[in-house]
PDB file of N, CA and C in Angstrom:
ATOM      1  N   MET A   1     -27.557 -11.413   4.416  1.00  0.00           N
ATOM      2  CA  MET A   1     -27.583 -10.500   3.295  1.00  0.00           C
ATOM      3  C   MET A   1     -26.159 -10.100   2.936  1.00  0.00           C
ATOM      4  N   SER A   2     -25.845 -10.060   1.675  1.00  0.00           N
ATOM      5  CA  SER A   2     -24.518  -9.704   1.198  1.00  0.00           C
ATOM      6  C   SER A   2     -24.483  -8.242   0.771  1.00  0.00           C
ATOM      7  N   PHE A   3     -23.340  -7.583   0.990  1.00  0.00           N
ATOM      8  CA  PHE A   3     -23.191  -6.209   0.540  1.00  0.00           C
ATOM      9  C   PHE A   3     -22.848  -6.143  -0.936  1.00  0.00           C
ATOM     10  N   LYS A   4     -22.390  -7.264  -1.510  1.00  0.00           N
ATOM     11  CA  LYS A   4     -22.062  -7.292  -2.924  1.00  0.00           C
ATOM     12  C   LYS A   4     -23.347  -7.460  -3.719  1.00  0.00           C
ATOM     13  N   SER A   5     -23.360  -6.874  -4.909  1.00  0.00           N
ATOM     14  CA  SER A   5     -24.524  -7.025  -5.772  1.00  0.00           C
ATOM     15  C   SER A   5     -24.095  -6.890  -7.222  1.00  0.00           C
ATOM     16  N   ASP A   6     -25.024  -7.147  -8.120  1.00  0.00           N
ATOM     17  CA  ASP A   6     -24.732  -7.001  -9.543  1.00  0.00           C
ATOM     18  C   ASP A   6     -24.725  -5.527  -9.958  1.00  0.00           C
ATOM     19  N   ASN A   7     -25.223  -4.663  -9.090  1.00  0.00           N
ATOM     20  CA  ASN A   7     -25.306  -3.242  -9.381  1.00  0.00           C
ATOM     21  C   ASN A   7     -24.675  -2.456  -8.225  1.00  0.00           C
ATOM     22  N   PRO A   8     -23.323  -2.477  -8.111  1.00  0.00           N
ATOM     23  CA  PRO A   8     -22.680  -1.823  -6.967  1.00  0.00           C
ATOM     24  C   PRO A   8     -22.846  -0.306  -7.015  1.00  0.00           C
ATOM     25  N   LYS A   9     -22.883   0.306  -5.840  1.00  0.00           N
ATOM     26  CA  LYS A   9     -23.004   1.760  -5.717  1.00  0.00           C
ATOM     27  C   LYS A   9     -21.685   2.314  -5.188  1.00  0.00           C
ATOM     28  N   LEU A  10     -21.203   3.353  -5.819  1.00  0.00           N
ATOM     29  CA  LEU A  10     -19.978   4.004  -5.390  1.00  0.00           C
ATOM     30  C   LEU A  10     -20.306   4.966  -4.255  1.00  0.00           C
ATOM     31  N   THR A  11     -19.589   4.857  -3.142  1.00  0.00           N
ATOM     32  CA  THR A  11     -19.826   5.754  -2.016  1.00  0.00           C
ATOM     33  C   THR A  11     -18.505   6.311  -1.498  1.00  0.00           C
ATOM     34  N   GLN A  12     -18.581   7.494  -0.951  1.00  0.00           N
ATOM     35  CA  GLN A  12     -17.439   8.119  -0.297  1.00  0.00           C
ATOM     36  C   GLN A  12     -17.999   9.003   0.808  1.00  0.00           C
ATOM     37  N   VAL A  13     -17.604   8.755   2.031  1.00  0.00           N
ATOM     38  CA  VAL A  13     -18.083   9.534   3.170  1.00  0.00           C
ATOM     39  C   VAL A  13     -17.123  10.695   3.408  1.00  0.00           C
ATOM     40  N   THR A  14     -17.678  11.875   3.590  1.00  0.00           N
ATOM     41  CA  THR A  14     -16.887  13.062   3.868  1.00  0.00           C
ATOM     42  C   THR A  14     -17.599  13.894   4.931  1.00  0.00           C
ATOM     43  N   LEU A  15     -16.862  14.369   5.906  1.00  0.00           N
ATOM     44  CA  LEU A  15     -17.450  15.202   6.952  1.00  0.00           C
ATOM     45  C   LEU A  15     -17.736  16.609   6.423  1.00  0.00           C
ATOM     46  N   THR A  16     -18.825  17.183   6.875  1.00  0.00           N
ATOM     47  CA  THR A  16     -19.169  18.556   6.508  1.00  0.00           C
ATOM     48  C   THR A  16     -18.065  19.509   6.953  1.00  0.00           C
ATOM     49  N   SER A  17     -17.493  19.250   8.121  1.00  0.00           N
ATOM     50  CA  SER A  17     -16.419  20.114   8.621  1.00  0.00           C
ATOM     51  C   SER A  17     -15.196  20.086   7.700  1.00  0.00           C
ATOM     52  N   THR A  18     -14.958  18.944   7.043  1.00  0.00           N
ATOM     53  CA  THR A  18     -13.842  18.847   6.095  1.00  0.00           C
ATOM     54  C   THR A  18     -14.119  19.706   4.870  1.00  0.00           C
ATOM     55  N   LEU A  19     -15.345  19.654   4.377  1.00  0.00           N
ATOM     56  CA  LEU A  19     -15.691  20.410   3.179  1.00  0.00           C
ATOM     57  C   LEU A  19     -15.764  21.914   3.417  1.00  0.00           C
ATOM     58  N   SER A  20     -15.920  22.321   4.664  1.00  0.00           N
ATOM     59  CA  SER A  20     -16.024  23.750   4.964  1.00  0.00           C
ATOM     60  C   SER A  20     -14.662  24.407   5.205  1.00  0.00           C
ATOM     61  N   LYS A  21     -13.603  23.640   5.157  1.00  0.00           N
ATOM     62  CA  LYS A  21     -12.253  24.188   5.359  1.00  0.00           C
ATOM     63  C   LYS A  21     -11.787  24.933   4.111  1.00  0.00           C
ATOM     64  N   LYS A  22     -10.755  25.756   4.292  1.00  0.00           N
ATOM     65  CA  LYS A  22     -10.149  26.440   3.150  1.00  0.00           C
ATOM     66  C   LYS A  22      -9.491  25.400   2.250  1.00  0.00           C
ATOM     67  N   GLY A  23      -9.327  25.734   1.004  1.00  0.00           N
ATOM     68  CA  GLY A  23      -8.689  24.820   0.068  1.00  0.00           C
ATOM     69  C   GLY A  23      -9.654  23.777  -0.467  1.00  0.00           C
ATOM     70  N   PHE A  24     -10.883  24.198  -0.769  1.00  0.00           N
ATOM     71  CA  PHE A  24     -11.919  23.269  -1.224  1.00  0.00           C
ATOM     72  C   PHE A  24     -11.472  22.481  -2.457  1.00  0.00           C
ATOM     73  N   ALA A  25     -10.813  23.137  -3.400  1.00  0.00           N
ATOM     74  CA  ALA A  25     -10.381  22.448  -4.626  1.00  0.00           C
ATOM     75  C   ALA A  25      -9.415  21.311  -4.299  1.00  0.00           C
ATOM     76  N   SER A  26      -8.496  21.535  -3.369  1.00  0.00           N
ATOM     77  CA  SER A  26      -7.541  20.505  -2.965  1.00  0.00           C
ATOM     78  C   SER A  26      -8.257  19.341  -2.283  1.00  0.00           C
ATOM     79  N   ILE A  27      -9.213  19.671  -1.411  1.00  0.00           N
ATOM     80  CA  ILE A  27      -9.981  18.635  -0.715  1.00  0.00           C
ATOM     81  C   ILE A  27     -10.766  17.808  -1.712  1.00  0.00           C
ATOM     82  N   LEU A  28     -11.417  18.473  -2.664  1.00  0.00           N
ATOM     83  CA  LEU A  28     -12.200  17.773  -3.681  1.00  0.00           C
ATOM     84  C   LEU A  28     -11.312  16.865  -4.534  1.00  0.00           C
ATOM     85  N   THR A  29     -10.121  17.341  -4.872  1.00  0.00           N
ATOM     86  CA  THR A  29      -9.175  16.522  -5.646  1.00  0.00           C
ATOM     87  C   THR A  29      -8.813  15.256  -4.886  1.00  0.00           C
ATOM     88  N   LYS A  30      -8.552  15.381  -3.597  1.00  0.00           N
ATOM     89  CA  LYS A  30      -8.196  14.207  -2.785  1.00  0.00           C
ATOM     90  C   LYS A  30      -9.351  13.225  -2.697  1.00  0.00           C
ATOM     91  N   ILE A  31     -10.573  13.732  -2.590  1.00  0.00           N
ATOM     92  CA  ILE A  31     -11.753  12.850  -2.555  1.00  0.00           C
ATOM     93  C   ILE A  31     -11.889  12.111  -3.873  1.00  0.00           C
ATOM     94  N   LEU A  32     -11.700  12.798  -4.985  1.00  0.00           N
ATOM     95  CA  LEU A  32     -11.794  12.157  -6.297  1.00  0.00           C
ATOM     96  C   LEU A  32     -10.709  11.103  -6.498  1.00  0.00           C
ATOM     97  N   ILE A  33      -9.509  11.361  -5.986  1.00  0.00           N
ATOM     98  CA  ILE A  33      -8.431  10.362  -6.056  1.00  0.00           C
ATOM     99  C   ILE A  33      -8.819   9.117  -5.265  1.00  0.00           C
ATOM    100  N   GLN A  34      -9.424   9.295  -4.078  1.00  0.00           N
ATOM    101  CA  GLN A  34      -9.872   8.154  -3.275  1.00  0.00           C
ATOM    102  C   GLN A  34     -10.937   7.342  -4.015  1.00  0.00           C
ATOM    103  N   ILE A  35     -11.875   8.030  -4.642  1.00  0.00           N
ATOM    104  CA  ILE A  35     -12.931   7.332  -5.387  1.00  0.00           C
ATOM    105  C   ILE A  35     -12.326   6.573  -6.563  1.00  0.00           C
ATOM    106  N   ALA A  36     -11.429   7.221  -7.303  1.00  0.00           N
ATOM    107  CA  ALA A  36     -10.791   6.557  -8.445  1.00  0.00           C
ATOM    108  C   ALA A  36     -10.029   5.309  -8.004  1.00  0.00           C
ATOM    109  N   SER A  37      -9.366   5.377  -6.849  1.00  0.00           N
ATOM    110  CA  SER A  37      -8.633   4.222  -6.321  1.00  0.00           C
ATOM    111  C   SER A  37      -9.582   3.084  -5.968  1.00  0.00           C
ATOM    112  N   LYS A  38     -10.727   3.420  -5.402  1.00  0.00           N
ATOM    113  CA  LYS A  38     -11.697   2.398  -5.000  1.00  0.00           C
ATOM    114  C   LYS A  38     -12.264   1.624  -6.182  1.00  0.00           C
ATOM    115  N   VAL A  39     -12.335   2.261  -7.347  1.00  0.00           N
ATOM    116  CA  VAL A  39     -12.866   1.557  -8.522  1.00  0.00           C
ATOM    117  C   VAL A  39     -11.766   0.893  -9.336  1.00  0.00           C
ATOM    118  N   GLY A  40     -10.531   0.907  -8.812  1.00  0.00           N
ATOM    119  CA  GLY A  40      -9.460   0.137  -9.436  1.00  0.00           C
ATOM    120  C   GLY A  40      -8.451   0.926 -10.236  1.00  0.00           C
ATOM    121  N   ASN A  41      -8.571   2.236 -10.287  1.00  0.00           N
ATOM    122  CA  ASN A  41      -7.587   3.038 -11.003  1.00  0.00           C
ATOM    123  C   ASN A  41      -6.338   3.236 -10.143  1.00  0.00           C
ATOM    124  N   THR A  42      -5.232   3.490 -10.782  1.00  0.00           N
ATOM    125  CA  THR A  42      -3.974   3.748 -10.086  1.00  0.00           C
ATOM    126  C   THR A  42      -3.770   5.250 -10.030  1.00  0.00           C
ATOM    127  N   PRO A  43      -3.777   5.848  -8.840  1.00  0.00           N
ATOM    128  CA  PRO A  43      -3.679   7.305  -8.762  1.00  0.00           C
ATOM    129  C   PRO A  43      -2.305   7.852  -9.147  1.00  0.00           C
ATOM    130  N   TRP A  44      -1.243   7.115  -8.852  1.00  0.00           N
ATOM    131  CA  TRP A  44       0.105   7.559  -9.176  1.00  0.00           C
ATOM    132  C   TRP A  44       0.912   6.359  -9.632  1.00  0.00           C
ATOM    133  N   ALA A  45       1.852   6.608 -10.531  1.00  0.00           N
ATOM    134  CA  ALA A  45       2.765   5.558 -10.967  1.00  0.00           C
ATOM    135  C   ALA A  45       4.096   6.207 -11.332  1.00  0.00           C
ATOM    136  N   PRO A  46       5.191   5.559 -10.971  1.00  0.00           N
ATOM    137  CA  PRO A  46       6.489   6.123 -11.341  1.00  0.00           C
ATOM    138  C   PRO A  46       6.726   5.971 -12.835  1.00  0.00           C
ATOM    139  N   LYS A  47       7.557   6.834 -13.388  1.00  0.00           N
ATOM    140  CA  LYS A  47       7.940   6.698 -14.788  1.00  0.00           C
ATOM    141  C   LYS A  47       9.097   5.699 -14.821  1.00  0.00           C
ATOM    142  N   VAL A  48       8.825   4.508 -15.333  1.00  0.00           N
ATOM    143  CA  VAL A  48       9.832   3.446 -15.366  1.00  0.00           C
ATOM    144  C   VAL A  48      10.673   3.623 -16.630  1.00  0.00           C
ATOM    145  N   PRO A  49      11.992   3.755 -16.482  1.00  0.00           N
ATOM    146  CA  PRO A  49      12.847   3.920 -17.663  1.00  0.00           C
ATOM    147  C   PRO A  49      12.706   2.744 -18.626  1.00  0.00           C
ATOM    148  N   ALA A  50      12.813   3.016 -19.912  1.00  0.00           N
ATOM    149  CA  ALA A  50      12.680   1.978 -20.941  1.00  0.00           C
ATOM    150  C   ALA A  50      13.761   0.908 -20.790  1.00  0.00           C
ATOM    151  N   SER A  51      14.880   1.253 -20.176  1.00  0.00           N
ATOM    152  CA  SER A  51      15.973   0.292 -20.006  1.00  0.00           C
ATOM    153  C   SER A  51      15.672  -0.777 -18.949  1.00  0.00           C
ATOM    154  N   VAL A  52      14.601  -0.593 -18.164  1.00  0.00           N
ATOM    155  CA  VAL A  52      14.247  -1.563 -17.128  1.00  0.00           C
ATOM    156  C   VAL A  52      13.379  -2.655 -17.747  1.00  0.00           C
ATOM    157  N   ASN A  53      13.791  -3.893 -17.573  1.00  0.00           N
ATOM    158  CA  ASN A  53      13.042  -5.030 -18.082  1.00  0.00           C
ATOM    159  C   ASN A  53      11.637  -5.035 -17.473  1.00  0.00           C
ATOM    160  N   PRO A  54      10.563  -5.226 -18.281  1.00  0.00           N
ATOM    161  CA  PRO A  54       9.191  -5.236 -17.756  1.00  0.00           C
ATOM    162  C   PRO A  54       8.934  -6.330 -16.712  1.00  0.00           C
ATOM    163  N   LYS A  55       9.803  -7.330 -16.661  1.00  0.00           N
ATOM    164  CA  LYS A  55       9.631  -8.411 -15.682  1.00  0.00           C
ATOM    165  C   LYS A  55      10.368  -8.118 -14.369  1.00  0.00           C
ATOM    166  N   THR A  56      10.887  -6.901 -14.214  1.00  0.00           N
ATOM    167  CA  THR A  56      11.620  -6.519 -13.008  1.00  0.00           C
ATOM    168  C   THR A  56      10.664  -6.325 -11.835  1.00  0.00           C
ATOM    169  N   MET A  57      11.060  -6.826 -10.672  1.00  0.00           N
ATOM    170  CA  MET A  57      10.307  -6.622  -9.437  1.00  0.00           C
ATOM    171  C   MET A  57      11.212  -5.892  -8.456  1.00  0.00           C
ATOM    172  N   LEU A  58      10.742  -4.770  -7.925  1.00  0.00           N
ATOM    173  CA  LEU A  58      11.489  -4.062  -6.897  1.00  0.00           C
ATOM    174  C   LEU A  58      11.086  -4.613  -5.537  1.00  0.00           C
ATOM    175  N   ILE A  59      12.066  -4.854  -4.684  1.00  0.00           N
ATOM    176  CA  ILE A  59      11.806  -5.427  -3.365  1.00  0.00           C
ATOM    177  C   ILE A  59      12.548  -4.603  -2.319  1.00  0.00           C
ATOM    178  N   GLY A  60      11.852  -4.291  -1.234  1.00  0.00           N
ATOM    179  CA  GLY A  60      12.473  -3.603  -0.108  1.00  0.00           C
ATOM    180  C   GLY A  60      12.291  -4.438   1.146  1.00  0.00           C
ATOM    181  N   ILE A  61      13.340  -4.581   1.932  1.00  0.00           N
ATOM    182  CA  ILE A  61      13.300  -5.392   3.157  1.00  0.00           C
ATOM    183  C   ILE A  61      13.927  -4.579   4.282  1.00  0.00           C
ATOM    184  N   ASP A  62      13.310  -4.657   5.468  1.00  0.00           N
ATOM    185  CA  ASP A  62      13.873  -3.977   6.630  1.00  0.00           C
ATOM    186  C   ASP A  62      13.531  -4.790   7.872  1.00  0.00           C
ATOM    187  N   TYR A  63      14.287  -4.598   8.918  1.00  0.00           N
ATOM    188  CA  TYR A  63      13.970  -5.279  10.175  1.00  0.00           C
ATOM    189  C   TYR A  63      14.317  -4.369  11.341  1.00  0.00           C
ATOM    190  N   CYS A  64      13.681  -4.649  12.458  1.00  0.00           N
ATOM    191  CA  CYS A  64      13.996  -3.916  13.683  1.00  0.00           C
ATOM    192  C   CYS A  64      13.651  -4.791  14.881  1.00  0.00           C
ATOM    193  N   LYS A  65      14.176  -4.430  16.018  1.00  0.00           N
ATOM    194  CA  LYS A  65      13.856  -5.130  17.264  1.00  0.00           C
ATOM    195  C   LYS A  65      12.469  -4.720  17.717  1.00  0.00           C
ATOM    196  N   ASP A  66      11.694  -5.675  18.190  1.00  0.00           N
ATOM    197  CA  ASP A  66      10.395  -5.383  18.777  1.00  0.00           C
ATOM    198  C   ASP A  66      10.641  -4.622  20.077  1.00  0.00           C
ATOM    199  N   THR A  67      10.081  -3.429  20.208  1.00  0.00           N
ATOM    200  CA  THR A  67      10.353  -2.600  21.388  1.00  0.00           C
ATOM    201  C   THR A  67       9.724  -3.161  22.659  1.00  0.00           C
ATOM    202  N   LYS A  68       8.670  -3.946  22.542  1.00  0.00           N
ATOM    203  CA  LYS A  68       8.007  -4.515  23.719  1.00  0.00           C
ATOM    204  C   LYS A  68       8.653  -5.822  24.160  1.00  0.00           C
ATOM    205  N   ASN A  69       9.140  -6.585  23.193  1.00  0.00           N
ATOM    206  CA  ASN A  69       9.732  -7.880  23.506  1.00  0.00           C
ATOM    207  C   ASN A  69      11.088  -7.950  22.812  1.00  0.00           C
ATOM    208  N   LYS A  70      12.155  -7.712  23.538  1.00  0.00           N
ATOM    209  CA  LYS A  70      13.512  -7.634  22.966  1.00  0.00           C
ATOM    210  C   LYS A  70      14.000  -8.956  22.381  1.00  0.00           C
ATOM    211  N   ASN A  71      13.266 -10.051  22.601  1.00  0.00           N
ATOM    212  CA  ASN A  71      13.694 -11.348  22.079  1.00  0.00           C
ATOM    213  C   ASN A  71      13.238 -11.582  20.645  1.00  0.00           C
ATOM    214  N   PHE A  72      12.542 -10.613  20.056  1.00  0.00           N
ATOM    215  CA  PHE A  72      12.027 -10.799  18.701  1.00  0.00           C
ATOM    216  C   PHE A  72      12.457  -9.668  17.786  1.00  0.00           C
ATOM    217  N   ASN A  73      12.630 -10.003  16.521  1.00  0.00           N
ATOM    218  CA  ASN A  73      12.839  -9.031  15.453  1.00  0.00           C
ATOM    219  C   ASN A  73      11.547  -8.953  14.653  1.00  0.00           C
ATOM    220  N   VAL A  74      11.294  -7.811  14.080  1.00  0.00           N
ATOM    221  CA  VAL A  74      10.187  -7.658  13.142  1.00  0.00           C
ATOM    222  C   VAL A  74      10.816  -7.454  11.779  1.00  0.00           C
ATOM    223  N   ILE A  75      10.453  -8.316  10.826  1.00  0.00           N
ATOM    224  CA  ILE A  75      10.982  -8.231   9.470  1.00  0.00           C
ATOM    225  C   ILE A  75       9.829  -7.818   8.563  1.00  0.00           C
ATOM    226  N   GLY A  76      10.017  -6.750   7.811  1.00  0.00           N
ATOM    227  CA  GLY A  76       8.990  -6.287   6.887  1.00  0.00           C
ATOM    228  C   GLY A  76       9.535  -6.235   5.476  1.00  0.00           C
ATOM    229  N   TYR A  77       8.648  -6.462   4.510  1.00  0.00           N
ATOM    230  CA  TYR A  77       9.079  -6.349   3.122  1.00  0.00           C
ATOM    231  C   TYR A  77       7.940  -5.831   2.260  1.00  0.00           C
ATOM    232  N   CYS A  78       8.308  -5.265   1.136  1.00  0.00           N
ATOM    233  CA  CYS A  78       7.360  -4.740   0.175  1.00  0.00           C
ATOM    234  C   CYS A  78       7.919  -5.025  -1.212  1.00  0.00           C
ATOM    235  N   SER A  79       7.056  -5.421  -2.140  1.00  0.00           N
ATOM    236  CA  SER A  79       7.520  -5.690  -3.504  1.00  0.00           C
ATOM    237  C   SER A  79       6.468  -5.255  -4.513  1.00  0.00           C
ATOM    238  N   THR A  80       6.939  -4.832  -5.683  1.00  0.00           N
ATOM    239  CA  THR A  80       6.018  -4.457  -6.752  1.00  0.00           C
ATOM    240  C   THR A  80       5.428  -5.719  -7.360  1.00  0.00           C
ATOM    241  N   ILE A  81       4.191  -5.615  -7.887  1.00  0.00           N
ATOM    242  CA  ILE A  81       3.539  -6.796  -8.457  1.00  0.00           C
ATOM    243  C   ILE A  81       3.005  -6.554  -9.872  1.00  0.00           C
ATOM    244  N   ASN A  82       3.342  -5.409 -10.468  1.00  0.00           N
ATOM    245  CA  ASN A  82       2.950  -5.196 -11.862  1.00  0.00           C
ATOM    246  C   ASN A  82       4.075  -4.490 -12.607  1.00  0.00           C
ATOM    247  N   LYS A  83       4.009  -4.513 -13.935  1.00  0.00           N
ATOM    248  CA  LYS A  83       5.116  -3.967 -14.725  1.00  0.00           C
ATOM    249  C   LYS A  83       5.226  -2.446 -14.631  1.00  0.00           C
ATOM    250  N   GLU A  84       4.131  -1.762 -14.256  1.00  0.00           N
ATOM    251  CA  GLU A  84       4.177  -0.314 -14.082  1.00  0.00           C
ATOM    252  C   GLU A  84       4.762   0.076 -12.729  1.00  0.00           C
ATOM    253  N   MET A  85       4.989  -0.913 -11.868  1.00  0.00           N
ATOM    254  CA  MET A  85       5.519  -0.713 -10.514  1.00  0.00           C
ATOM    255  C   MET A  85       4.639   0.232  -9.703  1.00  0.00           C
ATOM    256  N   SER A  86       3.326   0.080  -9.868  1.00  0.00           N
ATOM    257  CA  SER A  86       2.382   0.939  -9.159  1.00  0.00           C
ATOM    258  C   SER A  86       1.516   0.176  -8.166  1.00  0.00           C
ATOM    259  N   LYS A  87       1.607  -1.154  -8.165  1.00  0.00           N
ATOM    260  CA  LYS A  87       0.864  -1.967  -7.202  1.00  0.00           C
ATOM    261  C   LYS A  87       1.871  -2.784  -6.401  1.00  0.00           C
ATOM    262  N   PHE A  88       1.549  -2.988  -5.122  1.00  0.00           N
ATOM    263  CA  PHE A  88       2.514  -3.568  -4.206  1.00  0.00           C
ATOM    264  C   PHE A  88       1.905  -4.682  -3.376  1.00  0.00           C
ATOM    265  N   HIS A  89       2.786  -5.534  -2.879  1.00  0.00           N
ATOM    266  CA  HIS A  89       2.438  -6.523  -1.858  1.00  0.00           C
ATOM    267  C   HIS A  89       3.389  -6.268  -0.700  1.00  0.00           C
ATOM    268  N   SER A  90       2.852  -6.267   0.510  1.00  0.00           N
ATOM    269  CA  SER A  90       3.726  -6.095   1.672  1.00  0.00           C
ATOM    270  C   SER A  90       3.281  -7.028   2.786  1.00  0.00           C
ATOM    271  N   ASN A  91       4.208  -7.344   3.663  1.00  0.00           N
ATOM    272  CA  ASN A  91       3.920  -8.232   4.781  1.00  0.00           C
ATOM    273  C   ASN A  91       5.007  -8.050   5.836  1.00  0.00           C
ATOM    274  N   TYR A  92       4.820  -8.659   6.974  1.00  0.00           N
ATOM    275  CA  TYR A  92       5.814  -8.619   8.041  1.00  0.00           C
ATOM    276  C   TYR A  92       5.776  -9.942   8.794  1.00  0.00           C
ATOM    277  N   HIS A  93       6.857 -10.237   9.486  1.00  0.00           N
ATOM    278  CA  HIS A  93       6.964 -11.451  10.290  1.00  0.00           C
ATOM    279  C   HIS A  93       7.691 -11.116  11.583  1.00  0.00           C
ATOM    280  N   TYR A  94       7.290 -11.790  12.652  1.00  0.00           N
ATOM    281  CA  TYR A  94       8.037 -11.744  13.907  1.00  0.00           C
ATOM    282  C   TYR A  94       8.957 -12.949  13.915  1.00  0.00           C
ATOM    283  N   GLN A  95      10.170 -12.760  14.359  1.00  0.00           N
ATOM    284  CA  GLN A  95      11.133 -13.852  14.387  1.00  0.00           C
ATOM    285  C   GLN A  95      11.983 -13.750  15.638  1.00  0.00           C
ATOM    286  N   ASP A  96      12.292 -14.888  16.227  1.00  0.00           N
ATOM    287  CA  ASP A  96      13.167 -14.944  17.398  1.00  0.00           C
ATOM    288  C   ASP A  96      14.486 -14.266  17.037  1.00  0.00           C
ATOM    289  N   SER A  97      14.966 -13.395  17.900  1.00  0.00           N
ATOM    290  CA  SER A  97      16.181 -12.630  17.603  1.00  0.00           C
ATOM    291  C   SER A  97      17.424 -13.504  17.510  1.00  0.00           C
ATOM    292  N   ASN A  98      17.358 -14.743  17.989  1.00  0.00           N
ATOM    293  CA  ASN A  98      18.505 -15.649  17.914  1.00  0.00           C
ATOM    294  C   ASN A  98      18.574 -16.399  16.584  1.00  0.00           C
ATOM    295  N   VAL A  99      17.561 -16.262  15.746  1.00  0.00           N
ATOM    296  CA  VAL A  99      17.499 -16.981  14.469  1.00  0.00           C
ATOM    297  C   VAL A  99      17.992 -16.060  13.362  1.00  0.00           C
ATOM    298  N   ASN A 100      18.687 -16.640  12.379  1.00  0.00           N
ATOM    299  CA  ASN A 100      19.189 -15.885  11.236  1.00  0.00           C
ATOM    300  C   ASN A 100      18.018 -15.249  10.500  1.00  0.00           C
ATOM    301  N   LEU A 101      18.150 -13.979  10.118  1.00  0.00           N
ATOM    302  CA  LEU A 101      17.068 -13.253   9.432  1.00  0.00           C
ATOM    303  C   LEU A 101      16.623 -13.908   8.133  1.00  0.00           C
ATOM    304  N   SER A 102      17.518 -14.572   7.441  1.00  0.00           N
ATOM    305  CA  SER A 102      17.192 -15.131   6.141  1.00  0.00           C
ATOM    306  C   SER A 102      16.182 -16.266   6.179  1.00  0.00           C
ATOM    307  N   THR A 103      15.899 -16.839   7.353  1.00  0.00           N
ATOM    308  CA  THR A 103      14.950 -17.953   7.416  1.00  0.00           C
ATOM    309  C   THR A 103      13.530 -17.515   7.074  1.00  0.00           C
ATOM    310  N   LYS A 104      13.128 -16.303   7.413  1.00  0.00           N
ATOM    311  CA  LYS A 104      11.778 -15.816   7.097  1.00  0.00           C
ATOM    312  C   LYS A 104      11.705 -15.198   5.709  1.00  0.00           C
ATOM    313  N   ILE A 105      12.820 -14.731   5.187  1.00  0.00           N
ATOM    314  CA  ILE A 105      12.815 -14.076   3.887  1.00  0.00           C
ATOM    315  C   ILE A 105      12.592 -15.071   2.744  1.00  0.00           C
ATOM    316  N   ARG A 106      12.993 -16.323   2.946  1.00  0.00           N
ATOM    317  CA  ARG A 106      12.798 -17.327   1.895  1.00  0.00           C
ATOM    318  C   ARG A 106      11.359 -17.309   1.487  1.00  0.00           C
TER     319      ARG A 106
END
């Protein structure tokens, strides 16, 4: 049996203890943002200056030594994938610490 259907149902699980806390309006707002995200809406987007070409992609790259295995580096990156710069792709790679970092970035 498949969970997908022609008539999908929107669901959001919330604990009763969460709803009984102070700040109900804030909690409800966060739940609504989660629901909106699940149906494909973008909850937040930066204001992109008009001077930025719509085909611009922002990319961030970082690396660090693996704390458990000192012979490896962990390389992570994130990049925007739409012109509003509100959707992202990210990934990471493990690489031998003796290898040049640029080999995985290609």
